[in-house]
């Protein structure tokens, strides 16, 4: 194996080691994938102001996200089916994040359950939830997150219905994978993955199986979405979740200034500028293009985070320069996980930290909390 120096190296290795349906699930968007591509491409047009003869000693990336001290302002995003990228994936990612000092966010649609992750970590993690028709199930889910000592709840609002994801439909995405001839042939080329999955009992939706009722097909994300995700979702539901939870609430999926104002009024502690990684509404703005107007709309009334398209520490610092207090990475850590398990997630975080640190120094700063638009060339953002 060649030396791994960037996130692209991890992606290439993950593509070799993860079965096609799960790699494609992580690394694809909806419809024509134009927003998925724009999320990344729009970072590339932004240019830095390089400074020289500035004291670069004693640099620090330490910051906070919703009052939680973090080693750098980067969190692991909630990603569904993480435990299908690598056996026990959520547990391994959570352990890597804990050791590194950044937040890990467990998805409702995870393979490993809240209890699985809590039993194998020593510090609180965050939990992501959707509003579903079965309110009793959501109440139990929130209560389970409380019992696991989760320190923040991330409420995703942009997935009442599922975007049309052509690759998932073509691959017949399911967890565990259906044993079709095509899937069997593909999995035979991924012996490391198969060996890992053979050694774990965790192969389906751990937060749902045994906890939800009246769901006919637990394996299918699309059928679960069709049956349970609430088309009538409103801001009253957000207030209900906040009241039930009682702790730090982060709202994910904000792409519009009006919605950002409503997020402030809901009493949430933070919002995430996010288009779901380009997996929902294709043709929407990239997250980095939407970020400045949302920061302008809410000022300091609510903490603004963002996700979408981040593939390097340079992307992280660009988001911070445009007003984000923190960012989330999804695909980069999934590439690391699929490539090398827990070690790969750690490698991903190390790569991003080092790129963030060096770029900050070249821009003439030593404290990540002081990053702002001055590090960017006007007219390029």
Protein backbone atom coordinates (compact mmCIF):
# COMPACT_ATOMS: atom_id res chain seq x y z
CA UNK A 1 0.00 0.00 0.00
CA UNK A 2 1.39 3.41 -0.94
CA UNK A 3 1.84 6.19 1.61
CA UNK A 4 -1.47 7.91 2.46
CA UNK A 5 -1.10 11.68 2.45
CA UNK A 6 -4.59 13.03 1.69
CA UNK A 7 -8.30 12.21 1.76
CA UNK A 8 -8.28 11.16 -1.90
CA UNK A 9 -5.83 8.37 -1.03
CA UNK A 10 -8.31 7.07 1.55
CA UNK A 11 -11.16 7.29 -0.96
CA UNK A 12 -9.29 5.21 -3.53
CA UNK A 13 -8.47 2.56 -0.96
CA UNK A 14 -12.04 2.47 0.37
CA UNK A 15 -13.38 1.98 -3.15
CA UNK A 16 -11.18 -1.11 -3.45
CA UNK A 17 -12.22 -2.56 -0.09
CA UNK A 18 -15.92 -1.75 0.35
CA UNK A 19 -18.71 -3.53 -1.60
CA UNK A 20 -20.05 -1.41 -4.43
CA UNK A 21 -23.52 -0.73 -2.99
CA UNK A 22 -22.12 0.65 0.26
CA UNK A 23 -19.29 2.60 -1.33
CA UNK A 24 -21.79 4.12 -3.80
CA UNK A 25 -24.18 4.90 -0.93
CA UNK A 26 -21.47 7.01 0.69
CA UNK A 27 -19.97 8.52 -2.43
CA UNK A 28 -22.90 9.68 -4.56
CA UNK A 29 -25.61 12.30 -4.82
CA UNK A 30 -29.15 12.55 -6.13
CA UNK A 31 -30.39 13.01 -9.70
CA UNK A 32 -27.56 14.38 -11.89
CA UNK A 33 -25.32 14.89 -8.82
CA UNK A 34 -24.80 18.56 -9.73
CA UNK A 35 -25.15 19.76 -6.11
CA UNK A 36 -22.99 16.88 -4.89
CA UNK A 37 -20.21 18.07 -7.21
CA UNK A 38 -20.77 21.78 -6.51
CA UNK A 39 -20.33 21.17 -2.76
CA UNK A 40 -16.71 20.32 -3.44
CA UNK A 41 -16.02 22.39 -6.56
CA UNK A 42 -17.16 25.70 -5.05
CA UNK A 43 -14.44 25.48 -2.41
CA UNK A 44 -11.82 25.34 -5.16
CA UNK A 45 -12.59 28.80 -6.57
CA UNK A 46 -11.92 30.46 -3.20
CA UNK A 47 -8.36 31.75 -2.89
CA UNK A 48 -6.19 32.50 0.15
CA UNK A 49 -4.20 35.59 1.06
CA UNK A 50 -0.74 34.28 1.85
CA UNK A 51 1.16 36.29 4.48
CA UNK A 52 4.88 36.26 5.24
CA UNK A 53 7.24 37.29 8.06
CA UNK A 54 4.53 36.60 10.64
CA UNK A 55 5.35 34.79 13.88
CA UNK A 56 3.91 31.28 13.41
CA UNK A 57 4.85 29.91 16.85
CA UNK A 58 2.38 28.48 19.37
CA UNK A 59 -0.44 27.74 16.95
CA UNK A 60 -3.68 26.33 18.34
CA UNK A 61 -6.69 24.69 16.69
CA UNK A 62 -8.60 24.28 19.96
CA UNK A 63 -12.13 25.67 19.90
CA UNK A 64 -15.68 24.90 21.04
CA UNK A 65 -18.84 23.63 19.36
CA UNK A 66 -22.08 24.20 21.34
CA UNK A 67 -19.89 24.88 24.40
CA UNK A 68 -18.03 21.57 24.04
CA UNK A 69 -14.23 21.94 23.95
CA UNK A 70 -12.88 20.39 20.73
CA UNK A 71 -9.34 19.71 19.52
CA UNK A 72 -10.31 21.38 16.24
CA UNK A 73 -13.69 22.76 15.07
CA UNK A 74 -14.55 19.59 13.14
CA UNK A 75 -17.16 16.94 14.02
CA UNK A 76 -17.94 13.58 12.45
CA UNK A 77 -21.30 13.97 10.70
CA UNK A 78 -24.21 11.57 11.18
CA UNK A 79 -24.05 9.05 8.34
CA UNK A 80 -26.45 6.16 7.79
CA UNK A 81 -25.22 2.58 7.38
CA UNK A 82 -21.75 3.45 8.67
CA UNK A 83 -21.44 -0.08 10.01
CA UNK A 84 -21.71 -1.34 6.43
CA UNK A 85 -18.56 0.51 5.36
CA UNK A 86 -16.66 -1.60 7.89
CA UNK A 87 -17.81 -4.05 10.55
CA UNK A 88 -18.85 -2.20 13.74
CA UNK A 89 -18.16 1.04 11.89
CA UNK A 90 -19.99 3.43 14.20
CA UNK A 91 -18.18 2.05 17.26
CA UNK A 92 -14.79 2.38 15.57
CA UNK A 93 -15.48 5.90 14.32
CA UNK A 94 -16.74 7.00 17.75
CA UNK A 95 -13.62 5.62 19.43
CA UNK A 96 -11.35 7.39 16.94
CA UNK A 97 -13.20 10.69 17.42
CA UNK A 98 -13.07 10.39 21.20
CA UNK A 99 -9.31 9.77 21.23
CA UNK A 100 -8.77 12.67 18.83
CA UNK A 101 -10.96 15.09 20.78
CA UNK A 102 -13.72 15.86 18.27
CA UNK A 103 -17.46 15.12 18.41
CA UNK A 104 -18.93 11.98 16.87
CA UNK A 105 -22.58 12.10 15.76
CA UNK A 106 -24.45 8.79 15.63
CA UNK A 107 -27.19 8.52 13.02
CA UNK A 108 -30.65 7.14 13.74
CA UNK A 109 -30.04 4.98 10.64
CA UNK A 110 -26.86 3.47 12.08
CA UNK A 111 -25.98 -0.21 12.15
CA UNK A 112 -24.57 -0.11 15.69
CA UNK A 113 -27.16 1.07 18.24
CA UNK A 114 -26.94 3.97 20.70
CA UNK A 115 -26.32 1.43 23.43
CA UNK A 116 -23.58 -0.33 21.41
CA UNK A 117 -21.64 2.90 20.98
CA UNK A 118 -22.19 4.10 24.56
CA UNK A 119 -20.92 0.80 25.97
CA UNK A 120 -17.67 1.07 24.02
CA UNK A 121 -16.83 4.75 24.52
CA UNK A 122 -16.04 6.72 27.66
CA UNK A 123 -17.14 10.25 26.71
CA UNK A 124 -20.53 11.57 25.55
CA UNK A 125 -21.25 11.57 21.82
CA UNK A 126 -23.98 13.33 19.85
CA UNK A 127 -27.09 11.66 18.45
CA UNK A 128 -28.99 12.53 15.27
CA UNK A 129 -32.74 12.04 14.98
CA UNK A 130 -35.53 12.50 12.43
CA UNK A 131 -39.17 13.33 13.15
CA UNK A 132 -41.19 10.23 12.30
CA UNK A 133 -44.88 9.43 12.32
CA UNK A 134 -44.44 7.06 15.24
CA UNK A 135 -43.98 9.70 17.95
CA UNK A 136 -43.81 7.06 20.67
CA UNK A 137 -40.79 5.54 18.93
CA UNK A 138 -39.12 8.97 18.71
CA UNK A 139 -39.83 9.60 22.39
CA UNK A 140 -38.15 6.30 23.24
CA UNK A 141 -35.25 7.13 20.91
CA UNK A 142 -34.70 10.49 22.60
CA UNK A 143 -34.94 8.85 26.02
CA UNK A 144 -32.37 6.24 24.95
CA UNK A 145 -30.04 9.05 23.87
CA UNK A 146 -30.50 10.66 27.30
CA UNK A 147 -29.79 7.35 29.03
CA UNK A 148 -26.62 6.99 26.95
CA UNK A 149 -25.54 10.44 28.18
CA UNK A 150 -25.46 11.96 24.68
CA UNK A 151 -24.44 15.60 25.03
CA UNK A 152 -26.27 17.06 22.01
CA UNK A 153 -29.18 16.10 19.78
CA UNK A 154 -28.93 16.81 16.03
CA UNK A 155 -32.38 17.10 14.44
CA UNK A 156 -32.30 16.61 10.65
CA UNK A 157 -35.08 18.50 8.84
CA UNK A 158 -34.27 17.93 5.16
CA UNK A 159 -35.27 14.29 4.83
CA UNK A 160 -39.05 14.08 5.07
CA UNK A 161 -38.82 12.30 1.72
CA UNK A 162 -35.84 10.63 0.10
CA UNK A 163 -34.05 12.28 -2.84
CA UNK A 164 -33.83 10.14 -5.96
CA UNK A 165 -30.44 8.46 -5.68
CA UNK A 166 -29.91 6.53 -8.89
CA UNK A 167 -26.94 4.47 -7.72
CA UNK A 168 -28.77 3.23 -4.62
CA UNK A 169 -31.75 2.22 -6.75
CA UNK A 170 -29.56 0.43 -9.31
CA UNK A 171 -27.58 -1.36 -6.59
CA UNK A 172 -30.67 -2.44 -4.64
CA UNK A 173 -29.24 -0.91 -1.46
CA UNK A 174 -30.18 -2.82 1.70
CA UNK A 175 -28.69 -3.75 5.05
CA UNK A 176 -27.74 -6.53 5.22
CA UNK A 177 -27.15 -6.76 1.45
CA UNK A 178 -29.48 -9.02 -0.49
CA UNK A 179 -27.64 -12.07 -1.80
CA UNK A 180 -28.12 -11.50 -5.50
CA UNK A 181 -25.62 -12.91 -7.99
CA UNK A 182 -24.24 -9.43 -8.70
CA UNK A 183 -23.80 -8.67 -4.98
CA UNK A 184 -22.17 -12.02 -4.26
CA UNK A 185 -19.72 -11.61 -7.14
CA UNK A 186 -18.83 -8.09 -5.96
CA UNK A 187 -18.44 -9.10 -2.31
CA UNK A 188 -16.12 -11.96 -3.29
CA UNK A 189 -13.64 -9.29 -4.38
CA UNK A 190 -13.76 -7.68 -0.88
CA UNK A 191 -12.42 -10.45 1.43
CA UNK A 192 -11.38 -8.10 4.26
CA UNK A 193 -14.88 -6.65 4.41
CA UNK A 194 -16.52 -10.08 4.32
CA UNK A 195 -14.28 -11.40 7.10
CA UNK A 196 -15.10 -8.41 9.28
CA UNK A 197 -18.85 -8.69 8.72
CA UNK A 198 -18.74 -12.42 9.45
CA UNK A 199 -17.28 -11.60 12.86
CA UNK A 200 -19.98 -9.18 14.03
CA UNK A 201 -23.70 -9.61 14.78
CA UNK A 202 -24.36 -5.99 13.77
CA UNK A 203 -25.69 -6.05 10.21
CA UNK A 204 -29.01 -4.19 10.31
CA UNK A 205 -30.45 -0.94 11.69
CA UNK A 206 -29.54 -1.25 15.36
CA UNK A 207 -31.57 1.71 16.61
CA UNK A 208 -34.73 0.45 14.91
CA UNK A 209 -34.78 -3.35 14.96
CA UNK A 210 -36.43 -4.46 18.17
CA UNK A 211 -37.45 -0.90 19.04
CA UNK A 212 -39.93 0.13 16.32
CA UNK A 213 -43.25 -1.51 15.59
CA UNK A 214 -45.31 -1.97 12.41
CA UNK A 215 -42.36 -1.76 10.03
CA UNK A 216 -42.58 -4.50 7.43
CA UNK A 217 -39.06 -4.31 5.97
CA UNK A 218 -36.27 -3.37 8.36
CA UNK A 219 -33.53 -3.83 5.78
CA UNK A 220 -34.63 -1.16 3.33
CA UNK A 221 -33.85 2.48 4.02
CA UNK A 222 -36.28 3.61 1.33
CA UNK A 223 -39.21 1.56 2.63
CA UNK A 224 -38.57 2.74 6.20
CA UNK A 225 -38.49 6.32 4.94
CA UNK A 226 -41.72 5.87 2.97
CA UNK A 227 -43.50 4.36 5.96
CA UNK A 228 -42.22 6.47 8.81
CA UNK A 229 -40.74 9.85 7.84
CA UNK A 230 -43.31 12.55 8.51
CA UNK A 231 -44.42 14.59 5.49
CA UNK A 232 -46.34 16.93 7.82
CA UNK A 233 -43.18 18.01 9.69
CA UNK A 234 -43.39 21.58 11.01
CA UNK A 235 -41.54 23.93 13.36
CA UNK A 236 -43.98 22.91 16.08
CA UNK A 237 -42.40 19.47 15.90
CA UNK A 238 -38.98 21.07 16.39
CA UNK A 239 -40.25 22.73 19.57
CA UNK A 240 -41.70 19.39 20.71
CA UNK A 241 -38.35 17.65 20.19
CA UNK A 242 -36.51 20.43 22.03
CA UNK A 243 -38.87 20.17 24.98
CA UNK A 244 -38.64 16.38 25.09
CA UNK A 245 -34.84 16.45 24.80
CA UNK A 246 -34.12 19.33 27.18
CA UNK A 247 -30.44 19.60 26.23
CA UNK A 248 -28.31 21.08 23.45
CA UNK A 249 -30.24 20.99 20.15
CA UNK A 250 -28.61 21.36 16.71
CA UNK A 251 -30.82 21.71 13.61
CA UNK A 252 -29.41 20.19 10.42
CA UNK A 253 -30.47 20.97 6.87
CA UNK A 254 -30.75 24.77 6.77
CA UNK A 255 -30.14 26.28 3.30
CA UNK A 256 -32.38 29.37 3.40
CA UNK A 257 -32.27 32.64 5.33
CA UNK A 258 -35.94 32.44 6.34
CA UNK A 259 -35.44 28.92 7.69
CA UNK A 260 -32.36 30.13 9.55
CA UNK A 261 -34.47 32.78 11.28
CA UNK A 262 -37.06 30.14 12.17
CA UNK A 263 -34.29 27.99 13.61
CA UNK A 264 -33.33 30.90 15.87
CA UNK A 265 -36.94 31.33 16.96
CA UNK A 266 -37.24 27.60 17.70
CA UNK A 267 -34.69 28.00 20.49
CA UNK A 268 -32.09 25.67 18.95
CA UNK A 269 -28.49 26.10 20.08
CA UNK A 270 -26.94 25.70 16.62
CA UNK A 271 -27.87 25.14 12.99
CA UNK A 272 -26.02 23.27 10.27
CA UNK A 273 -25.96 24.76 6.77
CA UNK A 274 -26.35 21.52 4.84
CA UNK A 275 -27.89 20.14 1.65
CA UNK A 276 -27.46 16.57 2.90
CA UNK A 277 -24.26 16.12 0.93
CA UNK A 278 -26.06 16.74 -2.37
CA UNK A 279 -28.23 13.69 -1.71
CA UNK A 280 -31.63 15.39 -1.50
CA UNK A 281 -32.54 18.37 -3.73
CA UNK A 282 -30.24 18.31 -6.74
CA UNK A 283 -29.82 21.80 -8.18
CA UNK A 284 -29.67 23.44 -4.74
CA UNK A 285 -26.81 25.76 -3.86
CA UNK A 286 -23.62 24.28 -2.49
CA UNK A 287 -23.37 24.55 1.28
CA UNK A 288 -20.35 26.88 1.13
CA UNK A 289 -22.23 29.27 -1.21
CA UNK A 290 -25.27 29.27 1.09
CA UNK A 291 -23.22 29.81 4.25
CA UNK A 292 -22.47 33.58 4.13
CA UNK A 293 -26.08 34.70 3.69
CA UNK A 294 -27.21 32.50 6.55
CA UNK A 295 -24.49 33.84 8.82
CA UNK A 296 -25.66 37.36 7.87
CA UNK A 297 -29.28 36.45 8.62
CA UNK A 298 -28.69 35.17 12.15
CA UNK A 299 -25.60 37.06 13.33
CA UNK A 300 -24.54 35.82 16.74
CA UNK A 301 -28.04 34.73 17.79
CA UNK A 302 -27.30 31.08 17.04
CA UNK A 303 -24.13 29.10 16.40
CA UNK A 304 -23.72 28.35 12.68
CA UNK A 305 -22.07 25.13 11.52
CA UNK A 306 -21.84 23.68 8.00
CA UNK A 307 -21.23 20.46 6.12
CA UNK A 308 -20.94 19.38 2.50
CA UNK A 309 -17.96 19.08 0.19
CA UNK A 310 -15.18 19.24 2.76
CA UNK A 311 -12.25 17.11 1.64
CA UNK A 312 -9.33 18.86 3.32
CA UNK A 313 -8.24 21.11 6.14
CA UNK A 314 -8.10 23.91 3.58
CA UNK A 315 -11.84 23.49 3.00
CA UNK A 316 -12.38 23.62 6.77
CA UNK A 317 -10.58 26.95 7.15
CA UNK A 318 -12.50 28.44 4.20
CA UNK A 319 -15.79 27.56 5.92
CA UNK A 320 -14.54 29.10 9.16
CA UNK A 321 -13.49 32.23 7.25
CA UNK A 322 -17.07 32.63 5.98
CA UNK A 323 -18.53 32.47 9.47
CA UNK A 324 -18.98 28.81 10.42
CA UNK A 325 -18.15 28.06 14.06
CA UNK A 326 -17.55 24.42 13.18
CA UNK A 327 -17.84 21.97 10.31
CA UNK A 328 -18.83 18.32 9.86
CA UNK A 329 -17.13 15.70 7.75
CA UNK A 330 -19.05 12.69 6.44
CA UNK A 331 -17.49 11.14 3.35
CA UNK A 332 -13.85 11.78 4.41
CA UNK A 333 -14.19 9.74 7.60
CA UNK A 334 -16.23 7.08 5.78
CA UNK A 335 -13.40 6.72 3.26
CA UNK A 336 -10.97 6.28 6.15
CA UNK A 337 -13.25 3.78 7.84
CA UNK A 338 -13.79 1.73 4.69
CA UNK A 339 -10.09 1.81 3.91
CA UNK A 340 -8.57 1.01 7.30
CA UNK A 341 -11.19 0.83 10.06
CA UNK A 342 -10.57 2.88 13.21
CA UNK A 343 -7.00 3.60 12.09
CA UNK A 344 -8.36 5.07 8.86
CA UNK A 345 -10.72 7.44 10.71
CA UNK A 346 -7.81 8.61 12.83
CA UNK A 347 -5.73 9.08 9.68
CA UNK A 348 -8.52 11.17 8.14
CA UNK A 349 -8.63 13.43 11.20
CA UNK A 350 -4.83 13.75 11.26
CA UNK A 351 -4.76 14.75 7.59
CA UNK A 352 -7.43 17.42 8.09
CA UNK A 353 -5.78 18.73 11.27
CA UNK A 354 -2.38 19.06 9.60
CA UNK A 355 -3.79 20.76 6.50
CA UNK A 356 -5.82 23.15 8.66
CA UNK A 357 -2.82 23.96 10.83
CA UNK A 358 -0.43 24.62 7.93
CA UNK A 359 -2.93 26.70 5.96
CA UNK A 360 -3.72 28.83 9.01
CA UNK A 361 0.01 29.50 9.45
CA UNK A 362 0.51 30.45 5.79
CA UNK A 363 -2.38 32.91 6.16
CA UNK A 364 -0.62 34.59 9.07
CA UNK A 365 -2.73 33.34 11.99
CA UNK A 366 -1.93 31.24 15.03
CA UNK A 367 -5.40 30.81 16.63
CA UNK A 368 -8.21 29.09 14.71
CA UNK A 369 -10.79 31.15 16.63
CA UNK A 370 -9.48 34.29 14.91
CA UNK A 371 -9.99 33.01 11.35
CA UNK A 372 -12.26 35.30 9.33
CA UNK A 373 -12.76 36.63 5.78
CA UNK A 374 -9.43 38.47 5.88
CA UNK A 375 -7.62 35.25 4.96
CA UNK A 376 -9.48 35.11 1.59
CA UNK A 377 -8.98 37.15 -1.59
CA UNK A 378 -12.03 39.41 -2.13
CA UNK A 379 -14.03 38.44 -5.18
CA UNK A 380 -13.14 34.74 -4.93
CA UNK A 381 -15.84 33.89 -2.37
